[in-house]
Amino acid sequence: MRPKDERTLEDIKQYHDNANSYKELKEAMNESVKLMDVEYYAARLAVEGYGFDLQAYPEAVRNVVLSAEDDALSEEGKKIKRVS
């Protein structure tokens, strides 16, 4: 979880004394972050697959490191992998 998200959850916990709600919210935030990471990874595959300028994309996409296997894919392979 990102530091800002963690602080926000701690603020909620401080003002709302419901441990179960806090736990569920924290789990939801973790799942949301995982989904965002998958989307950034797919975006990085697309950028490389279509030969776009990586510098034109947000830092979150630029910072994605492809696995060695995915990095070795052809441009066409990266296009296919991004939607699978």
Protein backbone atom coordinates (compact mmCIF):
# COMPACT_ATOMS: atom_id res chain seq x y z
CA MET A 1 0.00 0.00 0.00
CA ARG A 2 1.26 3.46 -0.77
CA PRO A 3 2.23 5.76 2.16
CA LYS A 4 -0.55 8.27 1.43
CA ASP A 5 -3.15 5.48 1.44
CA GLU A 6 -1.78 4.16 4.71
CA ARG A 7 -2.03 7.61 6.32
CA THR A 8 -5.60 7.99 5.11
CA LEU A 9 -6.55 4.63 6.58
CA GLU A 10 -4.90 5.51 9.87
CA ASP A 11 -6.90 8.76 9.96
CA ILE A 12 -10.11 6.81 9.42
CA LYS A 13 -9.14 4.34 12.13
CA GLN A 14 -8.47 7.20 14.55
CA TYR A 15 -11.90 8.78 14.08
CA HIS A 16 -14.01 5.67 13.60
CA ASP A 17 -13.68 2.94 16.19
CA ASN A 18 -14.90 0.05 14.06
CA ALA A 19 -12.10 -2.46 13.60
CA ASN A 20 -14.04 -4.61 11.13
CA SER A 21 -14.79 -1.70 8.80
CA TYR A 22 -11.16 -0.61 8.97
CA LYS A 23 -9.97 -4.12 8.09
CA GLU A 24 -12.37 -4.38 5.14
CA LEU A 25 -11.39 -0.95 3.87
CA LYS A 26 -7.70 -1.80 4.12
CA GLU A 27 -8.26 -5.04 2.19
CA ALA A 28 -10.20 -3.14 -0.48
CA MET A 29 -7.39 -0.58 -0.79
CA ASN A 30 -4.82 -3.37 -1.16
CA GLU A 31 -6.85 -5.01 -3.91
CA SER A 32 -7.27 -1.67 -5.66
CA VAL A 33 -3.51 -1.07 -5.61
CA LYS A 34 -2.90 -4.55 -7.04
CA LEU A 35 -5.34 -3.83 -9.85
CA MET A 36 -3.64 -0.50 -10.59
CA ASP A 37 -0.27 -2.29 -10.76
CA VAL A 38 -1.70 -4.77 -13.30
CA GLU A 39 -3.01 -1.86 -15.36
CA TYR A 40 0.37 -0.09 -15.28
CA TYR A 41 2.09 -3.31 -16.35
CA ALA A 42 -0.32 -3.73 -19.26
CA ALA A 43 0.22 -0.09 -20.23
CA ARG A 44 3.99 -0.62 -20.26
CA LEU A 45 3.54 -3.66 -22.51
CA ALA A 46 1.38 -1.57 -24.84
CA VAL A 47 3.87 1.29 -24.95
CA GLU A 48 6.66 -1.07 -25.92
CA GLY A 49 4.47 -3.18 -28.20
CA TYR A 50 3.32 -0.22 -30.25
CA GLY A 51 6.66 1.60 -30.12
CA PHE A 52 5.29 4.67 -28.34
CA ASP A 53 7.59 7.18 -26.64
CA LEU A 54 7.83 5.99 -23.03
CA GLN A 55 8.66 9.50 -21.81
CA ALA A 56 5.19 10.66 -22.88
CA TYR A 57 3.61 8.41 -20.23
CA PRO A 58 3.16 8.89 -16.47
CA GLU A 59 5.93 7.96 -14.09
CA ALA A 60 3.91 4.99 -12.83
CA VAL A 61 4.10 3.45 -16.32
CA ARG A 62 7.73 4.46 -16.92
CA ASN A 63 8.80 2.83 -13.64
CA VAL A 64 7.29 -0.57 -14.46
CA VAL A 65 9.96 -3.22 -14.90
CA LEU A 66 8.88 -6.01 -17.20
CA SER A 67 9.78 -9.56 -16.32
CA ALA A 68 12.71 -10.96 -18.31
CA GLU A 69 10.28 -13.19 -20.18
CA ASP A 70 7.98 -10.30 -21.13
CA ASP A 71 10.88 -8.01 -21.98
CA ALA A 72 12.15 -10.61 -24.45
CA LEU A 73 8.82 -10.70 -26.34
CA SER A 74 8.58 -9.19 -29.78
CA GLU A 75 6.50 -6.05 -30.25
CA GLU A 76 3.63 -8.22 -31.45
CA GLY A 77 4.08 -10.53 -28.46
CA LYS A 78 3.86 -7.57 -26.08
CA LYS A 79 0.64 -6.39 -27.75
CA ILE A 80 -0.89 -9.83 -27.28
CA LYS A 81 0.36 -10.24 -23.71
CA ARG A 82 -1.10 -6.90 -22.58
CA VAL A 83 -4.65 -8.12 -23.14
CA SER A 84 -4.24 -11.66 -21.87
